[in-house]
N, C-alpha and C. Protein backbone atom coordinates (compact mmCIF):
# COMPACT_ATOMS: atom_id res chain seq x y z
N MET A 1 140.27 167.51 27.16
CA MET A 1 138.87 167.12 26.97
C MET A 1 138.82 165.74 26.30
N ALA A 2 138.04 164.83 26.84
CA ALA A 2 137.96 163.47 26.32
C ALA A 2 137.24 163.46 24.98
N PRO A 3 137.69 162.62 24.04
CA PRO A 3 137.00 162.52 22.74
C PRO A 3 135.61 161.93 22.93
N PRO A 4 134.67 162.28 22.05
CA PRO A 4 133.30 161.76 22.20
C PRO A 4 133.24 160.25 21.97
N THR A 5 132.37 159.59 22.69
CA THR A 5 132.17 158.16 22.54
C THR A 5 131.63 157.86 21.13
N ALA A 6 132.16 156.82 20.49
CA ALA A 6 131.67 156.43 19.17
C ALA A 6 130.20 156.05 19.25
N PRO A 7 129.39 156.47 18.28
CA PRO A 7 127.95 156.22 18.35
C PRO A 7 127.58 154.79 17.99
N LEU A 8 126.32 154.46 18.25
CA LEU A 8 125.78 153.12 17.99
C LEU A 8 124.90 153.08 16.73
N LEU A 9 125.04 154.04 15.84
CA LEU A 9 124.11 154.16 14.72
C LEU A 9 124.09 152.92 13.83
N PHE A 10 125.26 152.39 13.48
CA PHE A 10 125.31 151.22 12.60
C PHE A 10 124.73 150.00 13.32
N GLU A 11 125.06 149.86 14.58
CA GLU A 11 124.53 148.73 15.34
C GLU A 11 123.02 148.82 15.49
N GLU A 12 122.51 150.02 15.78
CA GLU A 12 121.08 150.19 15.96
C GLU A 12 120.32 149.88 14.68
N GLU A 13 120.90 150.25 13.53
CA GLU A 13 120.27 149.89 12.26
C GLU A 13 120.19 148.38 12.10
N GLY A 14 121.26 147.69 12.48
CA GLY A 14 121.26 146.24 12.39
C GLY A 14 120.25 145.60 13.32
N TRP A 15 120.22 146.05 14.56
CA TRP A 15 119.25 145.49 15.52
C TRP A 15 117.82 145.74 15.04
N ALA A 16 117.57 146.95 14.52
CA ALA A 16 116.23 147.28 14.05
C ALA A 16 115.82 146.40 12.87
N ALA A 17 116.82 145.95 12.09
CA ALA A 17 116.54 145.09 10.93
C ALA A 17 116.43 143.62 11.31
N GLY A 18 116.57 143.32 12.59
CA GLY A 18 116.41 141.95 13.05
C GLY A 18 117.71 141.19 13.30
N CYS A 19 118.83 141.86 13.16
CA CYS A 19 120.12 141.22 13.42
C CYS A 19 120.32 141.09 14.93
N GLN A 20 120.57 139.89 15.39
CA GLN A 20 120.78 139.66 16.81
C GLN A 20 122.24 139.77 17.20
N ARG A 21 123.12 139.33 16.31
CA ARG A 21 124.56 139.26 16.61
C ARG A 21 125.31 140.25 15.74
N VAL A 22 125.50 141.43 16.27
CA VAL A 22 126.18 142.51 15.55
C VAL A 22 127.62 142.57 16.05
N VAL A 23 128.56 142.46 15.15
CA VAL A 23 129.98 142.34 15.51
C VAL A 23 130.79 143.42 14.80
N GLY A 24 131.67 144.08 15.55
CA GLY A 24 132.62 145.03 14.98
C GLY A 24 134.02 144.44 14.99
N VAL A 25 134.79 144.72 13.94
CA VAL A 25 136.14 144.19 13.80
C VAL A 25 137.10 145.33 13.46
N ASP A 26 138.27 145.27 14.07
CA ASP A 26 139.34 146.22 13.73
C ASP A 26 140.68 145.54 13.96
N GLU A 27 141.72 146.10 13.35
CA GLU A 27 143.07 145.57 13.52
C GLU A 27 144.01 146.69 13.92
N VAL A 28 145.12 146.30 14.54
CA VAL A 28 146.21 147.22 14.84
C VAL A 28 147.52 146.55 14.45
N GLY A 29 148.52 147.37 14.16
CA GLY A 29 149.83 146.83 13.83
C GLY A 29 150.08 146.71 12.34
N TYR A 30 149.30 147.42 11.54
CA TYR A 30 149.49 147.39 10.09
C TYR A 30 150.82 148.04 9.69
N GLY A 31 151.18 149.13 10.36
CA GLY A 31 152.31 149.93 9.91
C GLY A 31 153.65 149.73 10.58
N PRO A 32 153.77 149.08 11.74
CA PRO A 32 155.08 148.94 12.38
C PRO A 32 156.05 148.11 11.54
N VAL A 33 157.33 148.18 11.91
CA VAL A 33 158.35 147.37 11.24
C VAL A 33 158.69 146.13 12.06
N ALA A 34 158.03 145.95 13.21
CA ALA A 34 158.27 144.78 14.04
C ALA A 34 156.97 144.36 14.70
N GLY A 35 156.87 143.06 14.96
CA GLY A 35 155.71 142.53 15.67
C GLY A 35 154.58 142.15 14.74
N PRO A 36 153.58 141.47 15.29
CA PRO A 36 152.45 140.97 14.50
C PRO A 36 151.41 142.05 14.24
N VAL A 37 150.46 141.72 13.41
CA VAL A 37 149.23 142.49 13.30
C VAL A 37 148.19 141.74 14.12
N VAL A 38 147.43 142.46 14.93
CA VAL A 38 146.44 141.86 15.84
C VAL A 38 145.06 142.40 15.49
N ALA A 39 144.09 141.51 15.44
CA ALA A 39 142.71 141.89 15.16
C ALA A 39 141.81 141.45 16.30
N ALA A 40 140.76 142.22 16.53
CA ALA A 40 139.75 141.85 17.52
C ALA A 40 138.38 141.96 16.91
N ALA A 41 137.50 141.09 17.34
CA ALA A 41 136.08 141.12 16.98
C ALA A 41 135.27 141.23 18.25
N VAL A 42 134.38 142.20 18.33
CA VAL A 42 133.58 142.43 19.54
C VAL A 42 132.10 142.43 19.17
N ALA A 43 131.34 141.59 19.85
CA ALA A 43 129.89 141.54 19.69
C ALA A 43 129.25 142.23 20.90
N LEU A 44 128.39 143.18 20.63
CA LEU A 44 127.71 143.92 21.69
C LEU A 44 126.33 143.34 21.94
N ARG A 45 125.89 143.45 23.19
CA ARG A 45 124.49 143.17 23.50
C ARG A 45 123.63 144.30 22.91
N ARG A 46 122.39 144.01 22.65
CA ARG A 46 121.52 145.02 22.07
C ARG A 46 121.48 146.27 22.96
N GLY A 47 121.81 147.41 22.37
CA GLY A 47 121.80 148.68 23.08
C GLY A 47 123.00 148.93 23.97
N GLN A 48 123.95 148.01 24.00
CA GLN A 48 125.09 148.15 24.90
C GLN A 48 126.03 149.25 24.42
N ARG A 49 126.48 150.07 25.35
CA ARG A 49 127.35 151.20 25.03
C ARG A 49 128.36 151.36 26.16
N PHE A 50 129.64 151.49 25.80
CA PHE A 50 130.70 151.69 26.78
C PHE A 50 131.17 153.14 26.70
N GLU A 51 130.88 153.88 27.75
CA GLU A 51 131.22 155.30 27.77
C GLU A 51 132.73 155.49 27.57
N GLY A 52 133.08 156.33 26.61
CA GLY A 52 134.49 156.62 26.34
C GLY A 52 135.10 155.78 25.25
N ALA A 53 134.38 154.76 24.77
CA ALA A 53 134.94 153.90 23.72
C ALA A 53 134.97 154.65 22.39
N VAL A 54 136.16 154.78 21.85
CA VAL A 54 136.39 155.51 20.60
C VAL A 54 137.70 155.00 20.03
N ASP A 55 138.11 155.52 18.91
CA ASP A 55 139.39 155.15 18.30
C ASP A 55 140.48 155.03 19.37
N SER A 56 141.10 153.86 19.46
CA SER A 56 142.08 153.60 20.53
C SER A 56 143.24 154.59 20.51
N LYS A 57 143.55 155.13 19.34
CA LYS A 57 144.68 156.07 19.24
C LYS A 57 144.41 157.37 19.97
N LEU A 58 143.14 157.66 20.23
CA LEU A 58 142.79 158.92 20.91
C LEU A 58 142.77 158.79 22.42
N LEU A 59 143.00 157.59 22.93
CA LEU A 59 142.91 157.33 24.36
C LEU A 59 144.29 157.15 24.96
N SER A 60 144.44 157.49 26.23
CA SER A 60 145.69 157.21 26.94
C SER A 60 145.82 155.72 27.15
N ALA A 61 147.05 155.27 27.37
CA ALA A 61 147.28 153.84 27.61
C ALA A 61 146.47 153.36 28.82
N LYS A 62 146.43 154.17 29.86
CA LYS A 62 145.68 153.79 31.06
C LYS A 62 144.20 153.64 30.76
N ARG A 63 143.64 154.58 30.01
CA ARG A 63 142.21 154.52 29.70
C ARG A 63 141.91 153.35 28.77
N ARG A 64 142.79 153.06 27.83
CA ARG A 64 142.60 151.88 26.97
C ARG A 64 142.55 150.60 27.78
N GLU A 65 143.48 150.47 28.73
CA GLU A 65 143.51 149.27 29.57
C GLU A 65 142.22 149.14 30.37
N GLU A 66 141.76 150.24 30.93
CA GLU A 66 140.52 150.22 31.70
C GLU A 66 139.35 149.77 30.84
N LEU A 67 139.22 150.39 29.67
CA LEU A 67 138.09 150.09 28.80
C LEU A 67 138.17 148.67 28.25
N ALA A 68 139.36 148.22 27.90
CA ALA A 68 139.50 146.86 27.37
C ALA A 68 139.01 145.84 28.39
N GLY A 69 139.37 146.03 29.65
CA GLY A 69 138.92 145.11 30.68
C GLY A 69 137.41 145.10 30.83
N ILE A 70 136.80 146.28 30.78
CA ILE A 70 135.35 146.38 30.92
C ILE A 70 134.66 145.74 29.72
N ILE A 71 135.16 146.06 28.52
CA ILE A 71 134.55 145.52 27.30
C ILE A 71 134.61 144.00 27.30
N GLN A 72 135.78 143.45 27.62
CA GLN A 72 135.94 141.99 27.59
C GLN A 72 135.07 141.29 28.63
N LYS A 73 134.83 141.94 29.75
CA LYS A 73 134.00 141.34 30.80
C LYS A 73 132.51 141.44 30.49
N GLN A 74 132.09 142.50 29.82
CA GLN A 74 130.66 142.78 29.74
C GLN A 74 130.05 142.59 28.35
N CYS A 75 130.85 142.55 27.30
CA CYS A 75 130.28 142.40 25.96
C CYS A 75 129.68 141.01 25.79
N LEU A 76 128.91 140.83 24.73
CA LEU A 76 128.31 139.52 24.45
C LEU A 76 129.39 138.48 24.17
N ALA A 77 130.36 138.83 23.35
CA ALA A 77 131.46 137.92 23.03
C ALA A 77 132.56 138.71 22.36
N TYR A 78 133.78 138.19 22.42
CA TYR A 78 134.89 138.80 21.69
C TYR A 78 135.88 137.73 21.29
N GLY A 79 136.64 138.03 20.26
CA GLY A 79 137.72 137.16 19.83
C GLY A 79 138.92 138.01 19.46
N VAL A 80 140.11 137.51 19.74
CA VAL A 80 141.36 138.20 19.42
C VAL A 80 142.29 137.21 18.73
N ALA A 81 142.97 137.66 17.69
CA ALA A 81 143.90 136.80 16.98
C ALA A 81 144.96 137.66 16.31
N ALA A 82 146.00 137.00 15.80
CA ALA A 82 147.12 137.71 15.19
C ALA A 82 147.56 137.02 13.92
N ALA A 83 148.29 137.77 13.11
CA ALA A 83 149.08 137.20 12.02
C ALA A 83 150.53 137.55 12.32
N SER A 84 151.38 136.55 12.25
CA SER A 84 152.77 136.71 12.67
C SER A 84 153.57 137.53 11.68
N CYS A 85 154.75 137.91 12.12
CA CYS A 85 155.66 138.68 11.28
C CYS A 85 155.96 137.93 9.98
N ARG A 86 156.21 136.65 10.09
CA ARG A 86 156.53 135.89 8.88
C ARG A 86 155.33 135.80 7.94
N GLU A 87 154.12 135.76 8.49
CA GLU A 87 152.94 135.78 7.64
C GLU A 87 152.78 137.13 6.96
N ILE A 88 153.11 138.20 7.66
CA ILE A 88 153.08 139.54 7.05
C ILE A 88 154.05 139.59 5.88
N GLU A 89 155.25 139.04 6.07
CA GLU A 89 156.25 139.03 5.00
C GLU A 89 155.76 138.23 3.80
N ARG A 90 155.11 137.11 4.07
CA ARG A 90 154.70 136.23 2.98
C ARG A 90 153.47 136.75 2.25
N LEU A 91 152.52 137.33 2.99
CA LEU A 91 151.23 137.69 2.41
C LEU A 91 151.10 139.16 2.05
N ASN A 92 151.88 140.02 2.67
CA ASN A 92 151.85 141.49 2.71
C ASN A 92 150.93 141.92 3.86
N ALA A 93 151.10 143.15 4.31
CA ALA A 93 150.42 143.61 5.53
C ALA A 93 148.91 143.60 5.38
N ARG A 94 148.41 143.99 4.22
CA ARG A 94 146.95 144.04 4.02
C ARG A 94 146.34 142.65 4.13
N ASN A 95 146.93 141.68 3.44
CA ASN A 95 146.38 140.33 3.48
C ASN A 95 146.58 139.67 4.83
N ALA A 96 147.68 140.00 5.51
CA ALA A 96 147.89 139.46 6.85
C ALA A 96 146.87 140.03 7.83
N ALA A 97 146.53 141.31 7.67
CA ALA A 97 145.49 141.90 8.52
C ALA A 97 144.15 141.20 8.30
N ALA A 98 143.83 140.89 7.04
CA ALA A 98 142.60 140.15 6.74
C ALA A 98 142.64 138.76 7.37
N LEU A 99 143.80 138.11 7.35
CA LEU A 99 143.95 136.81 7.97
C LEU A 99 143.69 136.89 9.48
N ALA A 100 144.26 137.90 10.13
CA ALA A 100 144.05 138.08 11.57
C ALA A 100 142.57 138.31 11.87
N MET A 101 141.89 139.07 11.01
CA MET A 101 140.45 139.30 11.21
C MET A 101 139.67 137.99 11.11
N ARG A 102 139.98 137.19 10.10
CA ARG A 102 139.28 135.91 9.94
C ARG A 102 139.51 135.02 11.16
N ARG A 103 140.73 135.02 11.67
CA ARG A 103 141.02 134.22 12.86
C ARG A 103 140.25 134.73 14.07
N ALA A 104 140.19 136.05 14.24
CA ALA A 104 139.46 136.60 15.37
C ALA A 104 137.99 136.21 15.30
N LEU A 105 137.41 136.24 14.10
CA LEU A 105 136.01 135.87 13.94
C LEU A 105 135.78 134.39 14.23
N ARG A 106 136.76 133.55 13.91
CA ARG A 106 136.61 132.13 14.20
C ARG A 106 136.59 131.85 15.70
N HIS A 107 137.14 132.76 16.49
CA HIS A 107 137.13 132.59 17.94
C HIS A 107 135.77 132.92 18.56
N LEU A 108 134.89 133.56 17.80
CA LEU A 108 133.55 133.82 18.33
C LEU A 108 132.75 132.53 18.35
N PRO A 109 131.83 132.38 19.30
CA PRO A 109 131.04 131.15 19.39
C PRO A 109 129.84 131.13 18.46
N PHE A 110 129.73 132.13 17.57
CA PHE A 110 128.61 132.18 16.64
C PHE A 110 129.03 132.96 15.40
N GLU A 111 128.21 132.85 14.35
CA GLU A 111 128.41 133.62 13.12
C GLU A 111 127.68 134.96 13.27
N PRO A 112 128.31 136.06 12.89
CA PRO A 112 127.62 137.35 12.98
C PRO A 112 126.44 137.44 12.02
N ASP A 113 125.38 138.11 12.46
CA ASP A 113 124.29 138.47 11.56
C ASP A 113 124.64 139.73 10.78
N LEU A 114 125.42 140.59 11.41
CA LEU A 114 125.92 141.82 10.77
C LEU A 114 127.35 142.01 11.20
N LEU A 115 128.24 142.12 10.23
CA LEU A 115 129.67 142.29 10.51
C LEU A 115 130.10 143.66 10.02
N LEU A 116 130.58 144.49 10.94
CA LEU A 116 131.03 145.85 10.65
C LEU A 116 132.55 145.88 10.75
N VAL A 117 133.20 146.38 9.71
CA VAL A 117 134.66 146.34 9.64
C VAL A 117 135.21 147.73 9.37
N ASP A 118 136.23 148.10 10.10
CA ASP A 118 136.84 149.42 9.91
C ASP A 118 137.51 149.52 8.55
N GLY A 119 137.34 150.66 7.90
CA GLY A 119 138.05 150.92 6.65
C GLY A 119 137.27 150.48 5.43
N ASN A 120 138.03 150.12 4.38
CA ASN A 120 137.44 149.70 3.12
C ASN A 120 137.13 148.20 3.16
N ARG A 121 136.48 147.73 2.10
CA ARG A 121 136.14 146.31 2.02
C ARG A 121 137.40 145.46 2.10
N VAL A 122 137.31 144.35 2.84
CA VAL A 122 138.47 143.49 3.09
C VAL A 122 138.37 142.25 2.21
N PRO A 123 139.30 142.06 1.28
CA PRO A 123 139.24 140.87 0.42
C PRO A 123 139.34 139.58 1.24
N GLY A 124 138.54 138.59 0.87
CA GLY A 124 138.62 137.29 1.52
C GLY A 124 137.88 137.18 2.83
N LEU A 125 137.25 138.27 3.28
CA LEU A 125 136.48 138.24 4.53
C LEU A 125 135.02 137.97 4.20
N ARG A 126 134.35 137.24 5.07
CA ARG A 126 132.93 136.94 4.86
C ARG A 126 132.14 138.23 4.66
N GLU A 127 130.91 138.12 4.23
CA GLU A 127 130.09 139.29 3.94
C GLU A 127 130.13 140.29 5.09
N HIS A 128 130.43 141.55 4.77
CA HIS A 128 130.58 142.55 5.82
C HIS A 128 130.24 143.93 5.28
N THR A 129 130.07 144.84 6.22
CA THR A 129 129.83 146.25 5.90
C THR A 129 131.06 147.05 6.26
N PRO A 130 131.79 147.59 5.26
CA PRO A 130 132.95 148.42 5.58
C PRO A 130 132.52 149.80 6.06
N VAL A 131 133.21 150.30 7.06
CA VAL A 131 132.89 151.62 7.62
C VAL A 131 134.18 152.43 7.66
N VAL A 132 134.33 153.35 6.72
CA VAL A 132 135.52 154.19 6.71
C VAL A 132 135.50 155.08 7.95
N GLY A 133 136.62 155.12 8.67
CA GLY A 133 136.65 155.86 9.93
C GLY A 133 135.82 155.20 11.00
N GLY A 134 135.71 153.87 10.90
CA GLY A 134 134.80 153.14 11.78
C GLY A 134 135.12 153.24 13.25
N ASP A 135 136.41 153.39 13.60
CA ASP A 135 136.74 153.45 15.02
C ASP A 135 136.29 154.76 15.66
N LEU A 136 135.86 155.73 14.84
CA LEU A 136 135.25 156.96 15.35
C LEU A 136 133.74 156.96 15.20
N ARG A 137 133.24 156.22 14.21
CA ARG A 137 131.84 156.31 13.80
C ARG A 137 130.99 155.12 14.22
N CYS A 138 131.61 154.06 14.70
CA CYS A 138 130.88 152.82 14.96
C CYS A 138 131.34 152.24 16.29
N HIS A 139 130.42 152.06 17.21
CA HIS A 139 130.80 151.73 18.58
C HIS A 139 131.48 150.37 18.70
N SER A 140 130.93 149.35 18.04
CA SER A 140 131.53 148.02 18.16
C SER A 140 132.93 147.98 17.55
N ILE A 141 133.15 148.73 16.46
CA ILE A 141 134.49 148.80 15.87
C ILE A 141 135.44 149.52 16.82
N ALA A 142 134.97 150.59 17.46
CA ALA A 142 135.81 151.28 18.44
C ALA A 142 136.21 150.34 19.57
N CYS A 143 135.25 149.54 20.04
CA CYS A 143 135.57 148.57 21.10
C CYS A 143 136.60 147.56 20.61
N ALA A 144 136.46 147.09 19.37
CA ALA A 144 137.42 146.15 18.82
C ALA A 144 138.80 146.78 18.70
N SER A 145 138.86 148.05 18.32
CA SER A 145 140.16 148.72 18.20
C SER A 145 140.86 148.81 19.54
N ILE A 146 140.10 149.02 20.61
CA ILE A 146 140.68 149.12 21.95
C ILE A 146 141.21 147.76 22.40
N VAL A 147 140.40 146.72 22.22
CA VAL A 147 140.84 145.38 22.63
C VAL A 147 142.07 144.94 21.84
N ALA A 148 142.07 145.18 20.53
CA ALA A 148 143.21 144.80 19.70
C ALA A 148 144.47 145.58 20.09
N LYS A 149 144.32 146.87 20.32
CA LYS A 149 145.47 147.71 20.67
C LYS A 149 146.07 147.30 22.01
N VAL A 150 145.24 147.07 22.99
CA VAL A 150 145.74 146.67 24.31
C VAL A 150 146.44 145.31 24.23
N THR A 151 145.86 144.39 23.48
CA THR A 151 146.47 143.07 23.33
C THR A 151 147.83 143.17 22.66
N ARG A 152 147.90 143.93 21.58
CA ARG A 152 149.18 144.04 20.87
C ARG A 152 150.23 144.77 21.71
N ASP A 153 149.83 145.81 22.42
CA ASP A 153 150.78 146.54 23.27
C ASP A 153 151.35 145.63 24.36
N ARG A 154 150.50 144.80 24.94
CA ARG A 154 150.99 143.86 25.94
C ARG A 154 152.00 142.89 25.33
N LEU A 155 151.69 142.41 24.14
CA LEU A 155 152.59 141.50 23.45
C LEU A 155 153.93 142.16 23.17
N MET A 156 153.90 143.41 22.69
CA MET A 156 155.16 144.09 22.38
C MET A 156 155.97 144.38 23.64
N ARG A 157 155.30 144.62 24.76
CA ARG A 157 156.04 144.78 26.01
C ARG A 157 156.73 143.49 26.41
N ARG A 158 156.03 142.35 26.22
CA ARG A 158 156.66 141.07 26.53
C ARG A 158 157.85 140.80 25.61
N LEU A 159 157.67 141.06 24.32
CA LEU A 159 158.79 140.89 23.39
C LEU A 159 159.92 141.86 23.72
N GLY A 160 159.56 143.05 24.19
CA GLY A 160 160.57 144.04 24.55
C GLY A 160 161.46 143.59 25.68
N ARG A 161 160.94 142.76 26.58
CA ARG A 161 161.78 142.24 27.66
C ARG A 161 162.80 141.24 27.13
N ARG A 162 162.46 140.58 26.02
CA ARG A 162 163.41 139.64 25.40
C ARG A 162 164.42 140.37 24.52
N TYR A 163 164.01 141.52 23.97
CA TYR A 163 164.87 142.29 23.07
C TYR A 163 164.90 143.74 23.55
N PRO A 164 165.55 144.01 24.69
CA PRO A 164 165.45 145.34 25.29
C PRO A 164 166.12 146.45 24.49
N GLU A 165 166.98 146.10 23.55
CA GLU A 165 167.72 147.13 22.80
C GLU A 165 166.81 147.97 21.90
N TYR A 166 165.63 147.46 21.56
CA TYR A 166 164.82 148.09 20.51
C TYR A 166 163.72 149.03 21.02
N GLY A 167 163.53 149.08 22.33
CA GLY A 167 162.56 150.02 22.89
C GLY A 167 161.12 149.71 22.57
N TRP A 168 160.80 148.43 22.39
CA TRP A 168 159.44 148.07 22.00
C TRP A 168 158.41 148.37 23.08
N GLU A 169 158.85 148.46 24.33
CA GLU A 169 157.89 148.81 25.39
C GLU A 169 157.26 150.16 25.13
N SER A 170 158.00 151.06 24.50
CA SER A 170 157.47 152.40 24.23
C SER A 170 157.08 152.60 22.78
N ASN A 171 157.91 152.11 21.82
CA ASN A 171 157.59 152.39 20.41
C ASN A 171 156.67 151.34 19.78
N LYS A 172 156.46 150.20 20.45
CA LYS A 172 155.55 149.15 20.00
C LYS A 172 155.87 148.64 18.60
N GLY A 173 157.13 148.77 18.21
CA GLY A 173 157.55 148.27 16.90
C GLY A 173 157.45 149.27 15.78
N TYR A 174 156.99 150.49 16.07
CA TYR A 174 156.89 151.51 15.02
C TYR A 174 158.27 152.08 14.70
N ARG A 175 158.36 152.75 13.58
CA ARG A 175 159.62 153.20 13.02
C ARG A 175 160.06 154.53 13.64
N THR A 176 160.40 154.53 14.91
CA THR A 176 160.90 155.73 15.56
C THR A 176 162.40 155.86 15.33
N ALA A 177 162.95 157.04 15.64
CA ALA A 177 164.39 157.24 15.47
C ALA A 177 165.17 156.27 16.35
N GLU A 178 164.69 156.07 17.57
CA GLU A 178 165.35 155.14 18.49
C GLU A 178 165.35 153.72 17.92
N HIS A 179 164.23 153.32 17.37
CA HIS A 179 164.11 151.97 16.82
C HIS A 179 165.02 151.80 15.60
N ARG A 180 165.02 152.79 14.71
CA ARG A 180 165.88 152.71 13.53
C ARG A 180 167.34 152.62 13.92
N ALA A 181 167.73 153.38 14.93
CA ALA A 181 169.13 153.35 15.38
C ALA A 181 169.48 151.98 15.95
N ALA A 182 168.55 151.36 16.68
CA ALA A 182 168.81 150.03 17.25
C ALA A 182 168.95 148.98 16.15
N ILE A 183 168.14 149.10 15.10
CA ILE A 183 168.26 148.15 13.99
C ILE A 183 169.63 148.30 13.32
N ARG A 184 170.06 149.54 13.14
CA ARG A 184 171.39 149.76 12.53
C ARG A 184 172.49 149.18 13.41
N GLU A 185 172.36 149.33 14.72
CA GLU A 185 173.43 148.89 15.62
C GLU A 185 173.41 147.39 15.87
N PHE A 186 172.22 146.82 16.08
CA PHE A 186 172.12 145.43 16.52
C PHE A 186 171.59 144.49 15.44
N GLY A 187 171.08 145.05 14.34
CA GLY A 187 170.48 144.21 13.31
C GLY A 187 169.06 143.85 13.66
N PRO A 188 168.29 143.33 12.70
CA PRO A 188 166.90 142.96 12.97
C PRO A 188 166.78 141.65 13.73
N THR A 189 165.68 141.50 14.42
CA THR A 189 165.35 140.26 15.14
C THR A 189 164.43 139.41 14.27
N PRO A 190 164.11 138.20 14.70
CA PRO A 190 163.12 137.40 13.95
C PRO A 190 161.73 138.02 13.94
N HIS A 191 161.50 139.02 14.81
CA HIS A 191 160.20 139.67 14.86
C HIS A 191 160.14 140.94 14.02
N HIS A 192 161.20 141.26 13.30
CA HIS A 192 161.19 142.40 12.40
C HIS A 192 160.66 141.99 11.03
N ARG A 193 159.99 142.92 10.39
CA ARG A 193 159.48 142.73 9.03
C ARG A 193 160.58 143.19 8.07
N ARG A 194 161.34 142.25 7.59
CA ARG A 194 162.57 142.60 6.88
C ARG A 194 162.34 143.26 5.53
N THR A 195 161.13 143.13 4.98
CA THR A 195 160.85 143.78 3.70
C THR A 195 160.35 145.21 3.87
N PHE A 196 160.16 145.65 5.11
CA PHE A 196 159.70 147.01 5.36
C PHE A 196 160.87 147.99 5.32
N ALA A 197 160.60 149.21 4.87
CA ALA A 197 161.64 150.23 4.80
C ALA A 197 162.26 150.44 6.17
N GLY A 198 163.57 150.55 6.20
CA GLY A 198 164.29 150.76 7.45
C GLY A 198 164.81 149.48 8.06
N VAL A 199 164.42 148.33 7.50
CA VAL A 199 164.88 147.05 8.03
C VAL A 199 165.78 146.33 7.03
N LEU A 200 165.47 146.45 5.75
CA LEU A 200 166.21 145.73 4.71
C LEU A 200 167.70 146.08 4.65
N GLN A 201 168.05 147.26 5.14
CA GLN A 201 169.43 147.70 5.03
C GLN A 201 170.39 146.78 5.75
N VAL A 202 169.89 146.03 6.73
CA VAL A 202 170.75 145.16 7.53
C VAL A 202 170.52 143.73 7.09
N GLU A 203 171.58 143.00 6.81
CA GLU A 203 171.46 141.62 6.38
C GLU A 203 171.04 140.72 7.55
N LEU A 204 170.22 139.75 7.26
CA LEU A 204 169.82 138.76 8.26
C LEU A 204 169.89 137.40 7.59
N SER A 205 170.65 136.48 8.16
CA SER A 205 170.83 135.18 7.54
C SER A 205 169.54 134.38 7.58
N LEU A 206 169.41 133.43 6.66
CA LEU A 206 168.22 132.60 6.62
C LEU A 206 168.05 131.82 7.91
N ASP A 207 169.15 131.33 8.48
CA ASP A 207 169.07 130.58 9.72
C ASP A 207 168.49 131.43 10.84
N GLU A 208 168.92 132.69 10.91
CA GLU A 208 168.40 133.58 11.95
C GLU A 208 166.93 133.85 11.72
N ALA A 209 166.57 134.06 10.46
CA ALA A 209 165.17 134.37 10.16
C ALA A 209 164.26 133.21 10.53
N GLU A 210 164.73 131.97 10.26
CA GLU A 210 163.89 130.82 10.52
C GLU A 210 163.83 130.44 11.99
N SER A 211 164.65 131.08 12.83
CA SER A 211 164.64 130.75 14.25
C SER A 211 163.51 131.42 15.01
N GLY A 212 162.78 132.34 14.36
CA GLY A 212 161.71 133.07 15.05
C GLY A 212 160.52 132.18 15.31
N VAL A 213 159.76 132.55 16.32
CA VAL A 213 158.55 131.83 16.68
C VAL A 213 157.36 132.74 16.42
N SER A 214 156.32 132.22 15.84
CA SER A 214 155.15 133.00 15.51
C SER A 214 154.53 133.59 16.76
N ALA A 215 154.35 134.91 16.75
CA ALA A 215 153.71 135.56 17.91
C ALA A 215 152.29 135.05 18.08
N GLU A 216 151.65 134.72 16.97
CA GLU A 216 150.28 134.21 17.06
C GLU A 216 150.24 132.92 17.85
N ASP A 217 151.25 132.05 17.65
CA ASP A 217 151.25 130.75 18.29
C ASP A 217 151.58 130.83 19.77
N THR A 218 152.43 131.80 20.18
CA THR A 218 152.97 131.77 21.53
C THR A 218 152.42 132.83 22.45
N SER A 219 151.88 133.92 21.93
CA SER A 219 151.63 135.06 22.80
C SER A 219 150.16 135.38 23.02
N LEU A 220 149.25 134.74 22.28
CA LEU A 220 147.86 135.07 22.43
C LEU A 220 147.06 133.94 23.04
N ARG A 221 147.72 132.87 23.46
CA ARG A 221 147.01 131.78 24.09
C ARG A 221 146.34 132.26 25.37
N GLY A 222 145.12 131.83 25.56
CA GLY A 222 144.40 132.21 26.76
C GLY A 222 143.73 133.56 26.68
N GLU A 223 143.97 134.31 25.59
CA GLU A 223 143.36 135.62 25.45
C GLU A 223 142.42 135.66 24.26
N ALA A 224 142.22 134.54 23.60
CA ALA A 224 141.62 134.60 22.28
C ALA A 224 140.12 134.84 22.27
N THR A 225 139.38 134.29 23.20
CA THR A 225 137.94 134.34 23.04
C THR A 225 137.21 134.36 24.38
N SER A 226 136.02 134.91 24.34
CA SER A 226 135.16 134.91 25.52
C SER A 226 133.74 135.13 25.09
N VAL A 227 132.81 134.55 25.80
CA VAL A 227 131.39 134.78 25.56
C VAL A 227 130.70 134.97 26.90
N ARG A 228 129.75 135.90 26.92
CA ARG A 228 129.03 136.19 28.16
C ARG A 228 127.59 135.73 28.02
N ALA A 229 127.08 135.10 29.05
CA ALA A 229 125.68 134.65 29.02
C ALA A 229 124.74 135.85 29.14
């Protein structure tokens, strides 16, 4: 049985209060030991609803891909951005997620009148309304979670072709038994978060660490932003 579509209650309150540009934001990739954190911002047209849009974790990969394409084509505007592995190491995962959100918002062609963000209040983010469990309770946040998840999964599949030993096509950088075993056998890559549990056990030279390229710089070009008339 398909999960229920996330409601429009928060958005409808904003529209009723005179907000024209209501935007939902969510991130994915907070917990993996490899790869970037990716955030998406989705602005809906007044009353717009995408049947089936809900927390991306509750959807099959096929359904996420379908919905992401529809959302990106039909929503008012969207932006996608990332914080790289090295930024996660330098800032910590929470602050890197906030950085990715700020970047995603900068890709929008306008400033939100109402900004809805999944989870608790995000330090350093412009004025916003935090919605705990937002990807289940808030439609625009659910849409953002789907777009962010699909974008990050595509990125991890591309990285997986460069580093096939780690199984990123399937584990997406999360700490699975297969992934942990690959780190033990082959060592971490420049895309691993070396301060995360399960990665530090293997030494990585400074030269190797500095040879990595930011996923934000190389893998999200051409996917960052769109606006619909």
